[in-house]
Amino acid sequence: MSSASRPPGDTATAGVAPQRSDRSPWNWLLLVGIVLPLLVPIYNRIEPTLFGWPFFYWFQLVLVAVGVLTTSLVYRATRRGSADRQAARDAVARDQER
C-alpha cells in the first residue's frame, strides 16, 4: 500500500501565477442563507400577514432575497482584481503553449 504524499512542486510556475485562496472571511456570510431557513420555529406562524399572505410564506420569499443578496455580496467582495485576473490569463496561456 502506498502512502499519500504531496506531488513535487513545479518550480517553473512558482511566483508566476497568483495564488488562489478560497479562505476569505466573507465566505462565512453564506451561512446566513443556509442557517436561517433551517430555523423553522422562527417563522412557523401565521401572524403577521402581509397583503393577506401568512408570515410563513412571505418570510420564505424574504429568505430567497437574503440568499441572493449575500451570495452577490460575497462574490463581489472575494473576486480578484483586474491585475490578478490578467496574470492568471497570462499563466494559463503560457501553460497552453508548452
Protein backbone atom coordinates (compact mmCIF):
# COMPACT_ATOMS: atom_id res chain seq x y z
CA MET A 1 0.00 0.00 0.00
CA SER A 2 1.42 3.38 -0.88
CA SER A 3 1.23 6.35 1.38
CA ALA A 4 -0.26 9.59 0.17
CA SER A 5 2.32 12.25 -0.36
CA ARG A 6 2.36 15.67 -1.88
CA PRO A 7 3.34 15.89 -5.55
CA PRO A 8 6.62 17.59 -6.31
CA GLY A 9 6.26 21.35 -6.66
CA ASP A 10 6.51 22.83 -10.13
CA THR A 11 9.18 25.48 -9.78
CA ALA A 12 8.64 26.74 -13.35
CA THR A 13 5.36 28.42 -12.44
CA ALA A 14 6.24 29.37 -8.88
CA GLY A 15 5.72 33.10 -8.48
CA VAL A 16 4.16 33.46 -11.94
CA ALA A 17 0.52 32.62 -11.37
CA PRO A 18 -1.26 34.32 -8.48
CA GLN A 19 -2.11 32.04 -5.58
CA ARG A 20 -5.82 31.28 -5.25
CA SER A 21 -7.26 31.14 -1.78
CA ASP A 22 -10.90 30.47 -1.01
CA ARG A 23 -10.35 31.05 2.68
CA SER A 24 -11.85 34.51 2.77
CA PRO A 25 -13.75 35.50 5.91
CA TRP A 26 -16.50 36.80 3.60
CA ASN A 27 -17.44 33.17 2.88
CA TRP A 28 -18.87 32.85 6.40
CA LEU A 29 -21.64 35.23 5.35
CA LEU A 30 -23.00 32.48 3.08
CA LEU A 31 -24.10 30.59 6.19
CA VAL A 32 -26.86 33.15 6.74
CA GLY A 33 -28.75 31.88 3.69
CA ILE A 34 -28.29 28.28 4.83
CA VAL A 35 -28.98 28.50 8.55
CA LEU A 36 -31.97 30.87 8.58
CA PRO A 37 -34.29 28.56 6.58
CA LEU A 38 -33.36 25.69 8.91
CA LEU A 39 -34.67 27.59 11.93
CA VAL A 40 -38.32 26.79 11.21
CA PRO A 41 -39.64 27.67 14.72
CA ILE A 42 -38.74 31.31 13.97
CA TYR A 43 -41.23 31.57 11.10
CA ASN A 44 -43.73 28.76 11.82
CA ARG A 45 -46.70 31.05 12.40
CA ILE A 46 -49.48 32.82 10.56
CA GLU A 47 -49.40 36.33 12.00
CA PRO A 48 -48.38 38.96 10.92
CA THR A 49 -49.84 38.74 7.45
CA LEU A 50 -48.62 40.81 4.52
CA PHE A 51 -51.20 41.52 1.79
CA GLY A 52 -53.15 38.51 3.08
CA TRP A 53 -50.14 36.18 2.97
CA PRO A 54 -49.29 34.36 6.21
CA PHE A 55 -45.90 35.11 7.74
CA PHE A 56 -44.68 31.60 6.91
CA TYR A 57 -44.92 32.24 3.16
CA TRP A 58 -43.72 35.81 2.83
CA PHE A 59 -40.80 35.21 5.19
CA GLN A 60 -39.62 32.38 2.94
CA LEU A 61 -39.69 34.80 -0.01
CA VAL A 62 -37.63 37.24 2.05
CA LEU A 63 -35.15 34.45 2.72
CA VAL A 64 -34.73 33.96 -1.04
CA ALA A 65 -33.85 37.65 -1.38
CA VAL A 66 -31.44 37.40 1.57
CA GLY A 67 -29.72 34.43 -0.08
CA VAL A 68 -29.33 36.28 -3.37
CA LEU A 69 -28.01 39.41 -1.66
CA THR A 70 -25.49 37.57 0.49
CA THR A 71 -24.27 35.49 -2.45
CA SER A 72 -23.76 38.56 -4.64
CA LEU A 73 -22.08 40.45 -1.80
CA VAL A 74 -19.64 37.61 -1.12
CA TYR A 75 -18.93 37.26 -4.85
CA ARG A 76 -18.12 40.93 -5.22
CA ALA A 77 -16.03 41.03 -2.05
CA THR A 78 -13.93 37.98 -2.95
CA ARG A 79 -13.37 38.29 -6.68
CA ARG A 80 -9.90 39.00 -7.94
CA GLY A 81 -8.66 42.38 -9.05
CA SER A 82 -8.11 43.07 -12.75
CA ALA A 83 -4.32 42.72 -12.41
CA ASP A 84 -4.69 39.29 -10.78
CA ARG A 85 -7.13 38.15 -13.47
CA GLN A 86 -4.74 39.24 -16.22
CA ALA A 87 -1.82 37.47 -14.53
CA ALA A 88 -3.90 34.29 -14.31
CA ARG A 89 -4.84 34.53 -18.01
CA ASP A 90 -1.18 35.03 -18.92
CA ALA A 91 -0.17 32.00 -16.84
CA VAL A 92 -2.83 29.82 -18.48
CA ALA A 93 -1.78 30.98 -21.96
CA ARG A 94 1.85 30.28 -21.13
CA ASP A 95 0.96 26.77 -19.87
CA GLN A 96 -1.04 26.01 -23.02
CA GLU A 97 1.94 26.88 -25.22
CA ARG A 98 4.00 24.11 -23.62
